[in-house]
Protein backbone atom coordinates (compact mmCIF):
# COMPACT_ATOMS: atom_id res chain seq x y z
CA UNK A 1 53.50 44.46 -21.76
CA UNK A 2 55.41 47.24 -21.79
CA UNK A 3 53.72 50.78 -21.30
CA UNK A 4 54.37 52.60 -24.84
CA UNK A 5 56.20 55.23 -23.51
CA UNK A 6 59.14 52.45 -22.33
CA UNK A 7 59.04 51.21 -26.04
CA UNK A 8 62.03 51.86 -28.01
CA UNK A 9 60.84 54.26 -31.03
CA UNK A 10 61.76 51.65 -33.92
CA UNK A 11 60.22 48.98 -31.96
CA UNK A 12 57.00 51.21 -31.59
CA UNK A 13 56.77 52.14 -35.25
CA UNK A 14 57.07 48.76 -36.37
CA UNK A 15 54.41 48.06 -33.97
CA UNK A 16 51.91 50.39 -35.29
CA UNK A 17 52.51 48.97 -38.88
CA UNK A 18 51.99 45.44 -37.89
CA UNK A 19 48.60 47.08 -36.16
CA UNK A 20 47.19 49.38 -39.33
CA UNK A 21 48.15 45.67 -41.58
CA UNK A 22 46.11 43.85 -39.06
CA UNK A 23 43.12 46.26 -39.58
CA UNK A 24 43.89 46.41 -43.46
CA UNK A 25 43.56 42.91 -43.47
CA UNK A 26 39.83 42.42 -41.72
CA UNK A 27 38.02 44.60 -42.89
CA UNK A 28 35.24 46.03 -41.25
CA UNK A 29 31.57 47.35 -42.42
CA UNK A 30 30.81 51.27 -42.11
CA UNK A 31 27.47 50.17 -41.26
CA UNK A 32 25.35 48.11 -38.38
CA UNK A 33 25.39 44.66 -38.82
CA UNK A 34 22.51 43.16 -36.21
CA UNK A 35 23.31 40.11 -34.85
CA UNK A 36 20.19 37.66 -35.21
CA UNK A 37 21.94 34.22 -35.21
CA UNK A 38 19.61 31.10 -36.65
CA UNK A 39 19.88 27.60 -34.85
CA UNK A 40 23.37 26.19 -35.95
CA UNK A 41 23.60 22.82 -34.26
CA UNK A 42 25.44 19.31 -34.82
CA UNK A 43 22.31 18.37 -37.33
CA UNK A 44 22.25 21.34 -39.35
CA UNK A 45 26.12 21.00 -39.99
CA UNK A 46 25.56 17.30 -40.43
CA UNK A 47 22.50 17.78 -42.95
CA UNK A 48 24.84 21.11 -44.47
CA UNK A 49 27.21 18.00 -44.89
CA UNK A 50 25.21 15.68 -46.23
CA UNK A 51 23.86 18.10 -48.47
CA UNK A 52 27.54 19.28 -50.10
CA UNK A 53 28.06 15.48 -50.35
CA UNK A 54 24.97 14.40 -52.57
CA UNK A 55 24.02 17.76 -54.35
CA UNK A 56 27.46 19.38 -55.39
CA UNK A 57 29.57 16.70 -55.13
CA UNK A 58 32.02 17.99 -52.28
CA UNK A 59 33.07 15.96 -49.25
CA UNK A 60 34.26 18.51 -46.20
CA UNK A 61 35.34 18.53 -42.82
CA UNK A 62 33.38 21.61 -42.24
CA UNK A 63 30.13 23.14 -43.65
CA UNK A 64 31.87 25.99 -44.98
CA UNK A 65 31.95 27.85 -48.40
CA UNK A 66 34.57 29.81 -50.42
CA UNK A 67 32.53 33.03 -51.83
CA UNK A 68 32.64 33.50 -55.08
CA UNK A 69 29.19 35.18 -55.42
CA UNK A 70 26.46 36.68 -53.76
CA UNK A 71 22.56 35.77 -54.59
CA UNK A 72 19.99 38.72 -54.21
CA UNK A 73 16.43 37.14 -52.92
CA UNK A 74 12.74 38.33 -51.65
CA UNK A 75 11.69 36.42 -48.68
CA UNK A 76 8.06 36.43 -50.21
CA UNK A 77 7.12 36.57 -46.53
CA UNK A 78 6.30 40.66 -44.90
CA UNK A 79 7.20 40.06 -41.77
CA UNK A 80 11.08 39.94 -40.28
CA UNK A 81 10.00 37.51 -37.14
CA UNK A 82 7.60 34.97 -39.24
CA UNK A 83 10.85 34.62 -41.56
CA UNK A 84 12.88 34.62 -39.70
CA UNK A 85 11.11 31.63 -37.41
CA UNK A 86 10.95 29.74 -40.95
CA UNK A 87 15.23 29.78 -41.53
CA UNK A 88 15.32 29.46 -38.21
CA UNK A 89 15.12 25.28 -37.58
CA UNK A 90 17.69 22.88 -39.05
CA UNK A 91 15.61 20.83 -41.00
CA UNK A 92 12.41 21.50 -43.52
CA UNK A 93 9.23 21.42 -43.02
CA UNK A 94 6.31 21.64 -45.33
CA UNK A 95 8.29 21.83 -48.69
CA UNK A 96 7.28 19.17 -50.76
CA UNK A 97 9.48 20.40 -53.91
CA UNK A 98 12.61 20.63 -51.32
CA UNK A 99 12.71 17.55 -49.17
CA UNK A 100 12.52 15.53 -51.90
CA UNK A 101 16.60 16.73 -52.28
CA UNK A 102 17.67 16.95 -48.83
CA UNK A 103 15.71 17.72 -45.23
CA UNK A 104 17.71 20.26 -44.59
CA UNK A 105 16.38 23.73 -43.84
CA UNK A 106 16.66 27.28 -46.28
CA UNK A 107 18.06 29.82 -44.90
CA UNK A 108 20.28 32.15 -45.76
CA UNK A 109 23.72 34.47 -44.44
CA UNK A 110 21.93 37.90 -44.37
CA UNK A 111 18.48 39.11 -43.84
CA UNK A 112 16.91 42.70 -44.68
CA UNK A 113 14.11 44.08 -43.40
CA UNK A 114 12.20 46.94 -45.27
CA UNK A 115 13.44 49.90 -43.53
CA UNK A 116 16.97 48.61 -44.41
CA UNK A 117 18.08 46.88 -41.15
CA UNK A 118 20.59 44.45 -42.32
CA UNK A 119 20.41 40.83 -39.89
CA UNK A 120 23.18 38.14 -39.78
CA UNK A 121 22.05 34.96 -39.67
CA UNK A 122 24.91 32.58 -40.18
CA UNK A 123 28.75 33.76 -40.51
CA UNK A 124 29.48 35.23 -43.75
CA UNK A 125 31.37 31.83 -44.74
CA UNK A 126 28.78 29.13 -43.30
CA UNK A 127 26.94 27.11 -45.28
CA UNK A 128 23.16 27.65 -46.43
CA UNK A 129 20.69 26.09 -48.44
CA UNK A 130 19.31 29.09 -50.49
CA UNK A 131 20.28 28.59 -54.59
CA UNK A 132 20.24 25.09 -56.14
CA UNK A 133 23.74 24.09 -57.97
CA UNK A 134 25.32 27.00 -56.24
CA UNK A 135 25.18 27.04 -52.49
CA UNK A 136 28.71 26.02 -51.69
CA UNK A 137 30.02 29.37 -53.54
CA UNK A 138 26.93 31.92 -52.55
CA UNK A 139 26.42 34.57 -49.61
CA UNK A 140 22.63 34.91 -49.70
CA UNK A 141 21.14 38.00 -49.03
CA UNK A 142 16.98 37.52 -48.47
CA UNK A 143 15.19 41.20 -48.33
CA UNK A 144 11.88 41.12 -46.82
CA UNK A 145 9.37 41.50 -50.03
CA UNK A 146 7.80 39.85 -52.95
CA UNK A 147 5.87 40.85 -55.49
CA UNK A 148 2.92 41.94 -53.47
CA UNK A 149 5.72 44.02 -51.52
CA UNK A 150 8.34 45.46 -53.69
CA UNK A 151 11.66 46.05 -52.64
CA UNK A 152 12.40 49.66 -50.69
CA UNK A 153 15.09 52.21 -51.74
CA UNK A 154 16.05 51.46 -48.15
CA UNK A 155 17.20 47.63 -48.94
CA UNK A 156 18.59 48.73 -52.26
CA UNK A 157 21.07 51.05 -50.81
CA UNK A 158 21.22 48.32 -47.98
CA UNK A 159 22.60 45.76 -50.15
CA UNK A 160 24.68 47.61 -51.41
CA UNK A 161 26.75 48.35 -48.74
CA UNK A 162 26.64 44.93 -47.40
CA UNK A 163 27.68 44.09 -50.84
CA UNK A 164 30.53 46.49 -50.96
CA UNK A 165 31.60 45.33 -47.93
CA UNK A 166 31.45 41.78 -48.72
CA UNK A 167 33.38 42.10 -51.80
CA UNK A 168 36.19 43.54 -49.82
CA UNK A 169 36.35 40.67 -47.56
CA UNK A 170 36.43 37.45 -50.49
CA UNK A 171 36.83 37.39 -53.76
CA UNK A 172 33.35 38.24 -55.08
CA UNK A 173 32.85 37.72 -58.61
CA UNK A 174 29.23 37.46 -59.09
CA UNK A 175 26.23 39.14 -57.64
CA UNK A 176 22.99 37.98 -59.11
CA UNK A 177 19.54 37.88 -58.48
CA UNK A 178 17.78 34.21 -57.56
CA UNK A 179 15.94 34.85 -60.90
CA UNK A 180 18.80 34.29 -62.98
CA UNK A 181 20.48 31.18 -60.98
CA UNK A 182 19.69 28.71 -64.32
CA UNK A 183 22.07 30.84 -66.38
CA UNK A 184 25.02 29.11 -64.18
CA UNK A 185 24.39 25.47 -65.41
CA UNK A 186 26.65 25.76 -68.23
CA UNK A 187 29.68 27.49 -66.29
CA UNK A 188 32.36 25.68 -64.14
CA UNK A 189 30.65 26.82 -61.19
CA UNK A 190 27.53 25.02 -61.00
CA UNK A 191 27.20 22.00 -59.02
CA UNK A 192 23.76 20.13 -58.80
CA UNK A 193 24.18 16.52 -59.06
CA UNK A 194 20.61 16.01 -60.08
CA UNK A 195 19.50 17.37 -63.62
CA UNK A 196 15.91 17.40 -62.46
CA UNK A 197 16.30 19.16 -59.02
CA UNK A 198 14.92 22.71 -60.26
CA UNK A 199 12.58 25.42 -59.25
CA UNK A 200 11.60 28.34 -61.02
CA UNK A 201 12.10 31.90 -59.28
CA UNK A 202 10.95 35.48 -59.99
CA UNK A 203 12.97 37.09 -56.87
CA UNK A 204 14.08 39.68 -56.35
CA UNK A 205 13.23 40.86 -59.92
CA UNK A 206 15.11 42.02 -63.06
CA UNK A 207 14.13 46.12 -62.18
CA UNK A 208 15.75 45.83 -58.40
CA UNK A 209 19.05 43.43 -60.15
CA UNK A 210 19.51 46.58 -62.67
CA UNK A 211 19.24 49.26 -59.75
CA UNK A 212 21.81 47.42 -58.29
CA UNK A 213 24.24 46.35 -60.68
CA UNK A 214 24.53 50.19 -61.83
CA UNK A 215 25.01 51.03 -57.97
CA UNK A 216 27.99 48.66 -57.89
CA UNK A 217 29.52 49.07 -61.42
CA UNK A 218 32.97 50.58 -60.07
CA UNK A 219 33.63 47.28 -58.61
CA UNK A 220 33.77 45.73 -61.77
CA UNK A 221 32.23 42.79 -60.82
CA UNK A 222 32.06 39.56 -64.19
CA UNK A 223 28.61 40.37 -66.32
CA UNK A 224 26.34 37.28 -66.15
CA UNK A 225 26.90 34.28 -68.43
CA UNK A 226 25.13 34.39 -71.88
CA UNK A 227 21.96 32.87 -71.90
């Protein structure tokens, strides 16, 4: 490659334009995302592809998603390492209410600790089992907390920053709480083969989602479907 001093000015200008366009097309987070990958191996991908086929009616060669939605959760576990250990195995254990639908373990793409530290468990567009009927198009954000450990202001800020980053990167239309997922049953986004496969959810609660949506008002996200 020629040193910049030997490149013609017109070519140098074109090169700079290409670099700037490349940076614009690949948004970078303005905050830190800590990489903490859970196991993604042949078994997890096989089970993910099977889930996509059996539950969502979608046959794919790769277990990836086209993100249109972010689903916010809480873990009901107060420890990040215990939560990681729960999500890490490819197969599910000890959840009779879920194993009937699939042996694929639950997980999410992101996990936020109580101090606001953001961990990426899977690449943004890899499939994760975290929300019935919507996994194929939803990025999951888990937060360390629960009914006994209300989510913190640091987590609220981290969720906002992460969602803004994801909105720049993908065509995100909705941001919902896990407790709101059934409002999508009557929409075109809903894809679940079994009409009886549902679980009741309370996370992360209406108060947290009200605050989060208020902070994201400028993004012009779509309103929730009517109940």
